[in-house]
PDB file of N, CA and C in Angstrom:
ATOM      1  N   MET A   1     -36.141 -10.073 110.643  1.00  0.00           N
ATOM      2  CA  MET A   1     -36.821 -11.294 110.659  1.00  0.00           C
ATOM      3  C   MET A   1     -38.302 -10.820 110.143  1.00  0.00           C
ATOM      4  N   THR A   2     -38.739 -11.547 109.284  1.00  0.00           N
ATOM      5  CA  THR A   2     -39.998 -11.043 108.598  1.00  0.00           C
ATOM      6  C   THR A   2     -41.115 -10.880 109.346  1.00  0.00           C
ATOM      7  N   THR A   3     -41.401 -12.057 110.483  1.00  0.00           N
ATOM      8  CA  THR A   3     -42.558 -12.099 111.164  1.00  0.00           C
ATOM      9  C   THR A   3     -42.306 -10.975 112.536  1.00  0.00           C
ATOM     10  N   GLU A   4     -43.486 -10.179 112.753  1.00  0.00           N
ATOM     11  CA  GLU A   4     -43.079  -9.434 114.005  1.00  0.00           C
ATOM     12  C   GLU A   4     -43.687 -10.441 115.254  1.00  0.00           C
ATOM     13  N   ILE A   5     -42.737 -10.272 116.276  1.00  0.00           N
ATOM     14  CA  ILE A   5     -43.194 -10.728 117.645  1.00  0.00           C
ATOM     15  C   ILE A   5     -43.650  -9.835 118.644  1.00  0.00           C
ATOM     16  N   LYS A   6     -45.158 -10.335 118.997  1.00  0.00           N
ATOM     17  CA  LYS A   6     -45.898  -9.350 119.741  1.00  0.00           C
ATOM     18  C   LYS A   6     -45.454  -9.269 121.182  1.00  0.00           C
ATOM     19  N   ALA A   7     -45.094  -8.131 121.823  1.00  0.00           N
ATOM     20  CA  ALA A   7     -44.711  -8.151 123.206  1.00  0.00           C
ATOM     21  C   ALA A   7     -45.831  -8.054 124.216  1.00  0.00           C
ATOM     22  N   ILE A   8     -46.351  -9.191 124.730  1.00  0.00           N
ATOM     23  CA  ILE A   8     -47.252  -9.450 125.774  1.00  0.00           C
ATOM     24  C   ILE A   8     -46.795  -9.637 127.060  1.00  0.00           C
ATOM     25  N   GLY A   9     -46.561  -8.443 127.802  1.00  0.00           N
ATOM     26  CA  GLY A   9     -45.935  -8.781 129.379  1.00  0.00           C
ATOM     27  C   GLY A   9     -44.696  -8.659 129.207  1.00  0.00           C
ATOM     28  N   ASN A  10     -43.805  -9.103 130.228  1.00  0.00           N
ATOM     29  CA  ASN A  10     -42.406  -9.403 130.279  1.00  0.00           C
ATOM     30  C   ASN A  10     -41.840 -10.694 129.859  1.00  0.00           C
ATOM     31  N   LYS A  11     -41.374 -10.785 128.792  1.00  0.00           N
ATOM     32  CA  LYS A  11     -40.984 -12.277 128.578  1.00  0.00           C
ATOM     33  C   LYS A  11     -39.022 -12.279 128.821  1.00  0.00           C
ATOM     34  N   ASN A  12     -38.881 -13.263 129.262  1.00  0.00           N
ATOM     35  CA  ASN A  12     -37.556 -13.449 129.151  1.00  0.00           C
ATOM     36  C   ASN A  12     -36.893 -13.719 128.141  1.00  0.00           C
ATOM     37  N   GLU A  13     -35.558 -12.988 128.064  1.00  0.00           N
ATOM     38  CA  GLU A  13     -35.118 -13.180 126.611  1.00  0.00           C
ATOM     39  C   GLU A  13     -33.717 -13.319 126.972  1.00  0.00           C
ATOM     40  N   LYS A  14     -32.832 -14.310 126.147  1.00  0.00           N
ATOM     41  CA  LYS A  14     -31.441 -14.658 125.948  1.00  0.00           C
ATOM     42  C   LYS A  14     -30.868 -14.362 124.773  1.00  0.00           C
ATOM     43  N   THR A  15     -29.659 -14.193 124.871  1.00  0.00           N
ATOM     44  CA  THR A  15     -28.768 -14.061 123.536  1.00  0.00           C
ATOM     45  C   THR A  15     -27.726 -15.326 123.685  1.00  0.00           C
ATOM     46  N   GLY A  16     -27.413 -15.932 122.455  1.00  0.00           N
ATOM     47  CA  GLY A  16     -26.711 -17.146 122.492  1.00  0.00           C
ATOM     48  C   GLY A  16     -26.163 -17.430 120.865  1.00  0.00           C
ATOM     49  N   PHE A  17     -25.336 -18.520 120.800  1.00  0.00           N
ATOM     50  CA  PHE A  17     -24.749 -18.846 119.682  1.00  0.00           C
ATOM     51  C   PHE A  17     -25.647 -20.147 119.197  1.00  0.00           C
ATOM     52  N   VAL A  18     -25.951 -20.519 118.242  1.00  0.00           N
ATOM     53  CA  VAL A  18     -26.641 -21.641 117.358  1.00  0.00           C
ATOM     54  C   VAL A  18     -25.471 -22.601 117.393  1.00  0.00           C
ATOM     55  N   VAL A  19     -25.772 -24.001 118.422  1.00  0.00           N
ATOM     56  CA  VAL A  19     -25.003 -24.848 118.155  1.00  0.00           C
ATOM     57  C   VAL A  19     -25.348 -26.184 117.375  1.00  0.00           C
ATOM     58  N   SER A  20     -26.747 -26.136 117.125  1.00  0.00           N
ATOM     59  CA  SER A  20     -27.348 -27.211 116.181  1.00  0.00           C
ATOM     60  C   SER A  20     -28.621 -27.196 115.625  1.00  0.00           C
ATOM     61  N   THR A  21     -28.895 -27.440 114.485  1.00  0.00           N
ATOM     62  CA  THR A  21     -29.885 -27.162 113.428  1.00  0.00           C
ATOM     63  C   THR A  21     -30.199 -28.353 112.886  1.00  0.00           C
ATOM     64  N   LYS A  22     -29.896 -29.719 113.695  1.00  0.00           N
ATOM     65  CA  LYS A  22     -30.151 -30.717 112.819  1.00  0.00           C
ATOM     66  C   LYS A  22     -31.682 -31.423 112.938  1.00  0.00           C
ATOM     67  N   MET A  23     -32.560 -30.784 113.825  1.00  0.00           N
ATOM     68  CA  MET A  23     -33.920 -31.261 113.822  1.00  0.00           C
ATOM     69  C   MET A  23     -34.920 -30.060 113.403  1.00  0.00           C
ATOM     70  N   ALA A  24     -35.996 -30.799 112.869  1.00  0.00           N
ATOM     71  CA  ALA A  24     -36.858 -29.970 112.072  1.00  0.00           C
ATOM     72  C   ALA A  24     -37.783 -29.039 112.807  1.00  0.00           C
ATOM     73  N   LYS A  25     -37.353 -27.483 112.503  1.00  0.00           N
ATOM     74  CA  LYS A  25     -38.038 -26.484 113.234  1.00  0.00           C
ATOM     75  C   LYS A  25     -37.431 -26.469 114.455  1.00  0.00           C
ATOM     76  N   THR A  26     -36.298 -26.833 114.832  1.00  0.00           N
ATOM     77  CA  THR A  26     -35.597 -26.962 116.472  1.00  0.00           C
ATOM     78  C   THR A  26     -34.124 -26.453 116.059  1.00  0.00           C
ATOM     79  N   ILE A  27     -33.822 -25.444 117.070  1.00  0.00           N
ATOM     80  CA  ILE A  27     -32.367 -25.299 117.236  1.00  0.00           C
ATOM     81  C   ILE A  27     -31.849 -25.289 118.556  1.00  0.00           C
ATOM     82  N   ILE A  28     -30.566 -25.582 118.814  1.00  0.00           N
ATOM     83  CA  ILE A  28     -30.034 -25.511 120.123  1.00  0.00           C
ATOM     84  C   ILE A  28     -29.214 -24.209 120.106  1.00  0.00           C
ATOM     85  N   VAL A  29     -29.523 -23.532 121.350  1.00  0.00           N
ATOM     86  CA  VAL A  29     -28.687 -22.196 121.314  1.00  0.00           C
ATOM     87  C   VAL A  29     -27.825 -22.283 122.481  1.00  0.00           C
ATOM     88  N   GLU A  30     -26.597 -22.332 122.518  1.00  0.00           N
ATOM     89  CA  GLU A  30     -25.820 -21.887 123.796  1.00  0.00           C
ATOM     90  C   GLU A  30     -25.588 -20.737 124.347  1.00  0.00           C
ATOM     91  N   THR A  31     -26.057 -20.669 125.757  1.00  0.00           N
ATOM     92  CA  THR A  31     -25.585 -19.350 126.159  1.00  0.00           C
ATOM     93  C   THR A  31     -24.682 -19.383 127.363  1.00  0.00           C
ATOM     94  N   THR A  32     -23.843 -18.253 127.320  1.00  0.00           N
ATOM     95  CA  THR A  32     -22.560 -18.335 128.433  1.00  0.00           C
ATOM     96  C   THR A  32     -22.829 -17.046 129.463  1.00  0.00           C
ATOM     97  N   ARG A  33     -22.616 -17.171 130.750  1.00  0.00           N
ATOM     98  CA  ARG A  33     -22.345 -16.114 131.731  1.00  0.00           C
ATOM     99  C   ARG A  33     -21.451 -16.387 132.417  1.00  0.00           C
ATOM    100  N   ARG A  34     -20.956 -15.224 132.922  1.00  0.00           N
ATOM    101  CA  ARG A  34     -19.923 -15.249 134.025  1.00  0.00           C
ATOM    102  C   ARG A  34     -20.198 -15.201 135.498  1.00  0.00           C
ATOM    103  N   VAL A  35     -19.980 -15.959 136.305  1.00  0.00           N
ATOM    104  CA  VAL A  35     -20.152 -16.090 137.755  1.00  0.00           C
ATOM    105  C   VAL A  35     -18.906 -15.933 138.473  1.00  0.00           C
ATOM    106  N   GLN A  36     -18.829 -15.651 139.626  1.00  0.00           N
ATOM    107  CA  GLN A  36     -17.928 -15.746 140.607  1.00  0.00           C
ATOM    108  C   GLN A  36     -17.792 -16.933 141.305  1.00  0.00           C
ATOM    109  N   HIS A  37     -16.807 -17.794 141.435  1.00  0.00           N
ATOM    110  CA  HIS A  37     -16.658 -18.906 142.065  1.00  0.00           C
ATOM    111  C   HIS A  37     -17.060 -18.878 143.651  1.00  0.00           C
ATOM    112  N   PRO A  38     -18.170 -19.504 144.296  1.00  0.00           N
ATOM    113  CA  PRO A  38     -18.115 -19.189 145.623  1.00  0.00           C
ATOM    114  C   PRO A  38     -17.163 -19.498 146.737  1.00  0.00           C
ATOM    115  N   LEU A  39     -16.045 -20.260 146.445  1.00  0.00           N
ATOM    116  CA  LEU A  39     -15.128 -20.642 147.209  1.00  0.00           C
ATOM    117  C   LEU A  39     -13.958 -19.656 146.904  1.00  0.00           C
ATOM    118  N   TYR A  40     -13.442 -19.766 145.734  1.00  0.00           N
ATOM    119  CA  TYR A  40     -12.261 -19.470 145.183  1.00  0.00           C
ATOM    120  C   TYR A  40     -12.309 -17.943 144.513  1.00  0.00           C
ATOM    121  N   LYS A  41     -13.465 -17.155 144.485  1.00  0.00           N
ATOM    122  CA  LYS A  41     -13.673 -16.003 143.889  1.00  0.00           C
ATOM    123  C   LYS A  41     -13.242 -15.640 142.729  1.00  0.00           C
ATOM    124  N   ARG A  42     -12.999 -16.615 141.851  1.00  0.00           N
ATOM    125  CA  ARG A  42     -12.468 -16.572 140.665  1.00  0.00           C
ATOM    126  C   ARG A  42     -13.561 -16.583 139.553  1.00  0.00           C
ATOM    127  N   MET A  43     -13.677 -15.773 138.623  1.00  0.00           N
ATOM    128  CA  MET A  43     -14.739 -16.013 137.351  1.00  0.00           C
ATOM    129  C   MET A  43     -14.559 -16.874 136.718  1.00  0.00           C
ATOM    130  N   ILE A  44     -15.651 -17.636 136.748  1.00  0.00           N
ATOM    131  CA  ILE A  44     -15.853 -18.825 135.538  1.00  0.00           C
ATOM    132  C   ILE A  44     -16.847 -18.771 134.432  1.00  0.00           C
ATOM    133  N   ASN A  45     -16.790 -19.424 133.607  1.00  0.00           N
ATOM    134  CA  ASN A  45     -17.802 -19.216 132.457  1.00  0.00           C
ATOM    135  C   ASN A  45     -18.726 -20.333 132.554  1.00  0.00           C
ATOM    136  N   LYS A  46     -19.976 -20.362 132.844  1.00  0.00           N
ATOM    137  CA  LYS A  46     -21.207 -21.128 132.848  1.00  0.00           C
ATOM    138  C   LYS A  46     -21.996 -21.423 131.508  1.00  0.00           C
ATOM    139  N   ARG A  47     -22.308 -22.249 130.913  1.00  0.00           N
ATOM    140  CA  ARG A  47     -22.762 -22.510 129.741  1.00  0.00           C
ATOM    141  C   ARG A  47     -23.925 -23.414 130.044  1.00  0.00           C
ATOM    142  N   LYS A  48     -24.731 -23.155 129.260  1.00  0.00           N
ATOM    143  CA  LYS A  48     -26.606 -23.750 129.469  1.00  0.00           C
ATOM    144  C   LYS A  48     -27.084 -23.896 128.062  1.00  0.00           C
ATOM    145  N   LYS A  49     -27.685 -24.981 127.565  1.00  0.00           N
ATOM    146  CA  LYS A  49     -28.205 -25.087 126.256  1.00  0.00           C
ATOM    147  C   LYS A  49     -29.664 -24.779 126.288  1.00  0.00           C
ATOM    148  N   PHE A  50     -30.274 -24.321 125.510  1.00  0.00           N
ATOM    149  CA  PHE A  50     -31.774 -24.126 125.111  1.00  0.00           C
ATOM    150  C   PHE A  50     -32.313 -24.662 123.867  1.00  0.00           C
ATOM    151  N   TYR A  51     -33.245 -25.385 123.636  1.00  0.00           N
ATOM    152  CA  TYR A  51     -33.961 -25.707 122.879  1.00  0.00           C
ATOM    153  C   TYR A  51     -34.841 -24.769 122.185  1.00  0.00           C
ATOM    154  N   ALA A  52     -34.675 -24.142 121.049  1.00  0.00           N
ATOM    155  CA  ALA A  52     -35.769 -23.057 120.553  1.00  0.00           C
ATOM    156  C   ALA A  52     -36.444 -23.624 119.367  1.00  0.00           C
ATOM    157  N   HIS A  53     -37.544 -22.942 119.135  1.00  0.00           N
ATOM    158  CA  HIS A  53     -38.487 -23.256 117.926  1.00  0.00           C
ATOM    159  C   HIS A  53     -38.249 -22.164 116.906  1.00  0.00           C
ATOM    160  N   ASP A  54     -37.593 -22.854 115.766  1.00  0.00           N
ATOM    161  CA  ASP A  54     -37.421 -22.262 114.674  1.00  0.00           C
ATOM    162  C   ASP A  54     -38.425 -22.328 113.460  1.00  0.00           C
ATOM    163  N   GLU A  55     -39.372 -21.450 113.342  1.00  0.00           N
ATOM    164  CA  GLU A  55     -40.720 -21.861 112.466  1.00  0.00           C
ATOM    165  C   GLU A  55     -40.219 -22.277 110.820  1.00  0.00           C
ATOM    166  N   GLU A  56     -39.449 -21.112 110.519  1.00  0.00           N
ATOM    167  CA  GLU A  56     -39.019 -21.078 109.152  1.00  0.00           C
ATOM    168  C   GLU A  56     -37.454 -21.562 108.807  1.00  0.00           C
ATOM    169  N   GLY A  57     -37.006 -22.162 110.059  1.00  0.00           N
ATOM    170  CA  GLY A  57     -35.820 -22.716 109.693  1.00  0.00           C
ATOM    171  C   GLY A  57     -34.696 -21.823 109.199  1.00  0.00           C
ATOM    172  N   GLN A  58     -34.720 -20.403 109.662  1.00  0.00           N
ATOM    173  CA  GLN A  58     -33.493 -19.330 109.335  1.00  0.00           C
ATOM    174  C   GLN A  58     -32.360 -19.423 109.827  1.00  0.00           C
ATOM    175  N   ALA A  59     -32.287 -19.975 111.061  1.00  0.00           N
ATOM    176  CA  ALA A  59     -31.032 -19.762 111.671  1.00  0.00           C
ATOM    177  C   ALA A  59     -29.909 -20.795 111.169  1.00  0.00           C
ATOM    178  N   ASN A  60     -28.810 -20.727 111.223  1.00  0.00           N
ATOM    179  CA  ASN A  60     -27.952 -21.657 110.824  1.00  0.00           C
ATOM    180  C   ASN A  60     -26.946 -21.791 112.037  1.00  0.00           C
ATOM    181  N   VAL A  61     -25.736 -22.566 112.066  1.00  0.00           N
ATOM    182  CA  VAL A  61     -24.965 -22.816 113.073  1.00  0.00           C
ATOM    183  C   VAL A  61     -24.048 -21.885 112.986  1.00  0.00           C
ATOM    184  N   GLY A  62     -23.618 -21.423 114.341  1.00  0.00           N
ATOM    185  CA  GLY A  62     -22.790 -20.248 114.600  1.00  0.00           C
ATOM    186  C   GLY A  62     -23.299 -18.984 114.723  1.00  0.00           C
ATOM    187  N   ASP A  63     -24.755 -18.582 114.079  1.00  0.00           N
ATOM    188  CA  ASP A  63     -25.448 -17.286 114.184  1.00  0.00           C
ATOM    189  C   ASP A  63     -25.797 -16.948 115.477  1.00  0.00           C
ATOM    190  N   VAL A  64     -25.599 -15.737 115.915  1.00  0.00           N
ATOM    191  CA  VAL A  64     -25.924 -15.284 117.362  1.00  0.00           C
ATOM    192  C   VAL A  64     -27.272 -14.648 117.276  1.00  0.00           C
ATOM    193  N   VAL A  65     -28.037 -15.233 118.095  1.00  0.00           N
ATOM    194  CA  VAL A  65     -29.319 -15.189 118.057  1.00  0.00           C
ATOM    195  C   VAL A  65     -30.243 -14.932 119.479  1.00  0.00           C
ATOM    196  N   ARG A  66     -31.266 -14.059 119.480  1.00  0.00           N
ATOM    197  CA  ARG A  66     -32.297 -13.797 120.399  1.00  0.00           C
ATOM    198  C   ARG A  66     -33.419 -14.682 120.631  1.00  0.00           C
ATOM    199  N   ILE A  67     -33.269 -15.322 121.876  1.00  0.00           N
ATOM    200  CA  ILE A  67     -34.478 -16.307 121.985  1.00  0.00           C
ATOM    201  C   ILE A  67     -35.574 -15.814 122.918  1.00  0.00           C
ATOM    202  N   ILE A  68     -36.817 -16.353 122.928  1.00  0.00           N
ATOM    203  CA  ILE A  68     -37.706 -15.339 123.884  1.00  0.00           C
ATOM    204  C   ILE A  68     -38.427 -16.432 124.538  1.00  0.00           C
ATOM    205  N   GLU A  69     -39.043 -16.514 125.628  1.00  0.00           N
ATOM    206  CA  GLU A  69     -39.556 -17.432 126.349  1.00  0.00           C
ATOM    207  C   GLU A  69     -40.848 -17.592 125.917  1.00  0.00           C
ATOM    208  N   CYS A  70     -41.463 -18.794 125.880  1.00  0.00           N
ATOM    209  CA  CYS A  70     -42.920 -18.901 125.251  1.00  0.00           C
ATOM    210  C   CYS A  70     -43.587 -20.008 125.991  1.00  0.00           C
ATOM    211  N   ARG A  71     -44.771 -20.527 125.536  1.00  0.00           N
ATOM    212  CA  ARG A  71     -45.546 -21.647 126.150  1.00  0.00           C
ATOM    213  C   ARG A  71     -44.595 -23.152 126.033  1.00  0.00           C
ATOM    214  N   PRO A  72     -44.738 -23.951 126.552  1.00  0.00           N
ATOM    215  CA  PRO A  72     -44.037 -25.275 126.481  1.00  0.00           C
ATOM    216  C   PRO A  72     -44.507 -26.083 124.955  1.00  0.00           C
ATOM    217  N   MET A  73     -43.514 -26.134 123.925  1.00  0.00           N
ATOM    218  CA  MET A  73     -43.980 -26.829 122.897  1.00  0.00           C
ATOM    219  C   MET A  73     -43.769 -28.290 122.665  1.00  0.00           C
ATOM    220  N   SER A  74     -43.022 -28.562 123.831  1.00  0.00           N
ATOM    221  CA  SER A  74     -42.316 -30.238 123.906  1.00  0.00           C
ATOM    222  C   SER A  74     -41.889 -30.108 125.143  1.00  0.00           C
ATOM    223  N   LYS A  75     -41.291 -31.695 125.225  1.00  0.00           N
ATOM    224  CA  LYS A  75     -40.669 -31.731 126.294  1.00  0.00           C
ATOM    225  C   LYS A  75     -39.387 -30.780 126.993  1.00  0.00           C
ATOM    226  N   LEU A  76     -38.554 -30.588 125.747  1.00  0.00           N
ATOM    227  CA  LEU A  76     -37.599 -29.738 126.204  1.00  0.00           C
ATOM    228  C   LEU A  76     -37.611 -27.922 125.435  1.00  0.00           C
ATOM    229  N   LYS A  77     -38.603 -27.856 124.566  1.00  0.00           N
ATOM    230  CA  LYS A  77     -38.610 -26.515 123.997  1.00  0.00           C
ATOM    231  C   LYS A  77     -39.580 -25.851 124.694  1.00  0.00           C
ATOM    232  N   ARG A  78     -39.127 -24.698 125.398  1.00  0.00           N
ATOM    233  CA  ARG A  78     -40.043 -23.630 126.096  1.00  0.00           C
ATOM    234  C   ARG A  78     -39.462 -22.255 125.531  1.00  0.00           C
ATOM    235  N   TRP A  79     -38.609 -22.094 124.385  1.00  0.00           N
ATOM    236  CA  TRP A  79     -38.125 -20.726 123.824  1.00  0.00           C
ATOM    237  C   TRP A  79     -38.629 -20.695 122.200  1.00  0.00           C
ATOM    238  N   LYS A  80     -38.286 -19.783 121.770  1.00  0.00           N
ATOM    239  CA  LYS A  80     -38.714 -19.643 120.190  1.00  0.00           C
ATOM    240  C   LYS A  80     -37.757 -18.247 119.802  1.00  0.00           C
ATOM    241  N   LEU A  81     -37.455 -18.396 118.506  1.00  0.00           N
ATOM    242  CA  LEU A  81     -36.477 -17.506 118.042  1.00  0.00           C
ATOM    243  C   LEU A  81     -37.023 -16.247 117.813  1.00  0.00           C
ATOM    244  N   GLY A  82     -36.593 -15.251 118.625  1.00  0.00           N
ATOM    245  CA  GLY A  82     -36.719 -13.993 118.286  1.00  0.00           C
ATOM    246  C   GLY A  82     -36.285 -13.179 117.108  1.00  0.00           C
ATOM    247  N   GLU A  83     -34.840 -13.251 116.972  1.00  0.00           N
ATOM    248  CA  GLU A  83     -34.442 -12.380 115.932  1.00  0.00           C
ATOM    249  C   GLU A  83     -32.749 -13.049 115.710  1.00  0.00           C
ATOM    250  N   ILE A  84     -32.153 -12.969 114.580  1.00  0.00           N
ATOM    251  CA  ILE A  84     -31.193 -13.201 114.378  1.00  0.00           C
ATOM    252  C   ILE A  84     -30.435 -11.949 114.375  1.00  0.00           C
ATOM    253  N   MET A  85     -29.205 -12.085 115.372  1.00  0.00           N
ATOM    254  CA  MET A  85     -28.576 -10.628 115.489  1.00  0.00           C
ATOM    255  C   MET A  85     -27.246 -10.661 114.445  1.00  0.00           C
ATOM    256  N   ARG A  86     -26.551 -11.663 114.352  1.00  0.00           N
ATOM    257  CA  ARG A  86     -25.578 -11.952 113.646  1.00  0.00           C
ATOM    258  C   ARG A  86     -25.424 -13.305 112.743  1.00  0.00           C
ATOM    259  N   LYS A  87     -25.287 -13.051 111.456  1.00  0.00           N
ATOM    260  CA  LYS A  87     -25.385 -14.261 110.486  1.00  0.00           C
ATOM    261  C   LYS A  87     -23.834 -14.695 110.833  1.00  0.00           C
ATOM    262  N   ALA A  88     -23.682 -16.102 110.715  1.00  0.00           N
ATOM    263  CA  ALA A  88     -22.178 -16.649 110.674  1.00  0.00           C
ATOM    264  C   ALA A  88     -21.778 -16.804 109.353  1.00  0.00           C
ATOM    265  N   VAL A  89     -20.155 -16.878 109.186  1.00  0.00           N
ATOM    266  CA  VAL A  89     -19.839 -17.157 107.931  1.00  0.00           C
ATOM    267  C   VAL A  89     -20.190 -18.504 107.655  1.00  0.00           C
ATOM    268  N   GLN A  90     -20.770 -18.697 106.219  1.00  0.00           N
ATOM    269  CA  GLN A  90     -20.679 -20.267 105.807  1.00  0.00           C
ATOM    270  C   GLN A  90     -19.625 -20.542 105.079  1.00  0.00           C
ATOM    271  N   VAL A  91     -19.077 -21.696 105.349  1.00  0.00           N
ATOM    272  CA  VAL A  91     -17.975 -22.478 104.365  1.00  0.00           C
ATOM    273  C   VAL A  91     -18.698 -23.315 103.575  1.00  0.00           C
ATOM    274  N   THR A  92     -17.861 -23.499 102.312  1.00  0.00           N
ATOM    275  CA  THR A  92     -18.296 -24.272 101.549  1.00  0.00           C
ATOM    276  C   THR A  92     -17.538 -25.235 101.178  1.00  0.00           C
ATOM    277  N   THR A  93     -17.689 -26.473 100.958  1.00  0.00           N
ATOM    278  CA  THR A  93     -16.696 -27.504 100.664  1.00  0.00           C
ATOM    279  C   THR A  93     -16.720 -27.763  99.032  1.00  0.00           C
ATOM    280  N   ASP A  94     -17.461 -27.031  98.259  1.00  0.00           N
ATOM    281  CA  ASP A  94     -17.318 -27.183  96.611  1.00  0.00           C
ATOM    282  C   ASP A  94     -16.376 -26.320  96.099  1.00  0.00           C
ATOM    283  N   LEU A  95     -15.104 -27.108  95.466  1.00  0.00           N
ATOM    284  CA  LEU A  95     -14.045 -26.483  95.209  1.00  0.00           C
ATOM    285  C   LEU A  95     -14.105 -25.945  93.846  1.00  0.00           C
ATOM    286  N   SER A  96     -15.252 -26.145  93.202  1.00  0.00           N
ATOM    287  CA  SER A  96     -15.357 -25.321  92.002  1.00  0.00           C
ATOM    288  C   SER A  96     -15.583 -23.960  91.977  1.00  0.00           C
ATOM    289  N   SER A  97     -15.873 -23.858  93.259  1.00  0.00           N
ATOM    290  CA  SER A  97     -16.046 -22.315  93.454  1.00  0.00           C
ATOM    291  C   SER A  97     -15.202 -21.420  93.270  1.00  0.00           C
ATOM    292  N   ILE A  98     -14.021 -21.922  93.669  1.00  0.00           N
ATOM    293  CA  ILE A  98     -12.574 -21.303  93.565  1.00  0.00           C
ATOM    294  C   ILE A  98     -11.873 -21.650  92.552  1.00  0.00           C
ATOM    295  N   GLY A  99     -11.994 -22.275  91.633  1.00  0.00           N
ATOM    296  CA  GLY A  99     -11.344 -22.610  90.266  1.00  0.00           C
ATOM    297  C   GLY A  99     -10.478 -24.209  90.453  1.00  0.00           C
ATOM    298  N   ILE A 100     -11.038 -24.856  91.537  1.00  0.00           N
ATOM    299  CA  ILE A 100     -10.309 -26.179  91.425  1.00  0.00           C
ATOM    300  C   ILE A 100     -11.096 -27.193  90.841  1.00  0.00           C
ATOM    301  N   GLN A 101     -10.621 -27.945  90.233  1.00  0.00           N
ATOM    302  CA  GLN A 101     -11.520 -29.042  89.452  1.00  0.00           C
ATOM    303  C   GLN A 101     -11.286 -30.277  90.141  1.00  0.00           C
ATOM    304  N   PRO A 102     -12.500 -30.932  90.767  1.00  0.00           N
ATOM    305  CA  PRO A 102     -12.287 -31.912  91.426  1.00  0.00           C
ATOM    306  C   PRO A 102     -12.058 -33.319  90.520  1.00  0.00           C
ATOM    307  N   GLY A 103     -11.149 -34.070  90.893  1.00  0.00           N
ATOM    308  CA  GLY A 103     -10.690 -35.040  90.212  1.00  0.00           C
ATOM    309  C   GLY A 103     -10.370 -36.292  91.240  1.00  0.00           C
ATOM    310  N   ARG A 104      -9.873 -37.383  90.334  1.00  0.00           N
ATOM    311  CA  ARG A 104      -9.406 -38.500  91.340  1.00  0.00           C
ATOM    312  C   ARG A 104      -8.077 -38.247  91.924  1.00  0.00           C
ATOM    313  N   GLU A 105      -8.186 -38.253  93.139  1.00  0.00           N
ATOM    314  CA  GLU A 105      -6.841 -37.790  94.008  1.00  0.00           C
ATOM    315  C   GLU A 105      -5.793 -38.936  93.534  1.00  0.00           C
ATOM    316  N   GLN A 106      -4.336 -38.680  93.423  1.00  0.00           N
ATOM    317  CA  GLN A 106      -3.510 -39.348  93.297  1.00  0.00           C
ATOM    318  C   GLN A 106      -2.871 -39.691  94.601  1.00  0.00           C
ATOM    319  N   ARG A 107      -2.508 -40.901  94.739  1.00  0.00           N
ATOM    320  CA  ARG A 107      -2.083 -41.383  96.220  1.00  0.00           C
ATOM    321  C   ARG A 107      -0.494 -41.457  96.089  1.00  0.00           C
ATOM    322  N   ALA A 108       0.178 -41.080  96.652  1.00  0.00           N
ATOM    323  CA  ALA A 108       1.647 -41.059  96.726  1.00  0.00           C
ATOM    324  C   ALA A 108       2.194 -42.440  97.194  1.00  0.00           C
ATOM    325  N   SER A 109       2.616 -43.337  96.439  1.00  0.00           N
ATOM    326  CA  SER A 109       3.097 -44.679  96.657  1.00  0.00           C
ATOM    327  C   SER A 109       4.456 -44.402  97.457  1.00  0.00           C
ATOM    328  N   VAL A 110       4.609 -45.441  98.462  1.00  0.00           N
ATOM    329  CA  VAL A 110       5.699 -45.242  99.146  1.00  0.00           C
ATOM    330  C   VAL A 110       6.475 -46.785  99.175  1.00  0.00           C
ATOM    331  N   LYS A 111       7.511 -46.715  98.470  1.00  0.00           N
ATOM    332  CA  LYS A 111       8.106 -48.071  98.461  1.00  0.00           C
ATOM    333  C   LYS A 111       8.677 -48.424  99.835  1.00  0.00           C
ATOM    334  N   LYS A 112       8.505 -49.836 100.252  1.00  0.00           N
ATOM    335  CA  LYS A 112       9.290 -50.678 101.258  1.00  0.00           C
ATOM    336  C   LYS A 112      10.556 -51.128 100.838  1.00  0.00           C
ATOM    337  N   LYS A 113      11.293 -50.812 101.550  1.00  0.00           N
ATOM    338  CA  LYS A 113      12.982 -51.581 101.527  1.00  0.00           C
ATOM    339  C   LYS A 113      12.902 -53.133 101.880  1.00  0.00           C
ATOM    340  N   LYS A 114      13.498 -53.658 101.140  1.00  0.00           N
ATOM    341  CA  LYS A 114      13.400 -55.143 101.556  1.00  0.00           C
ATOM    342  C   LYS A 114      14.855 -55.542 102.352  1.00  0.00           C
ATOM    343  N   LYS A 115      14.688 -56.260 103.363  1.00  0.00           N
ATOM    344  CA  LYS A 115      15.862 -56.613 104.019  1.00  0.00           C
ATOM    345  C   LYS A 115      16.328 -57.803 103.820  1.00  0.00           C
TER     346      LYS A 115
END
């Protein structure tokens, strides 16, 4: 990350996957934790989504990021993007990049039998 985050006191940090980047300067990060069921004693996964501030819009869907607790920035945002730990593979839908020329698709005609 290009900007350094100043460590003042002990701030809560979480690590998770970016699940949405559709808002301006905001990402949604989903964290997963494993807890034991109180009655059945089986390990289950609990998920929670956090809204985080992404000033430069660096994060993409699928990235593994670290978010840091900060002052409330809006009704839901109380976290900011600390660092991108692992970038996700970006898939393109541009067929010309792999040598296929896009054109008019031919539809297979199916003849119906008359009775």
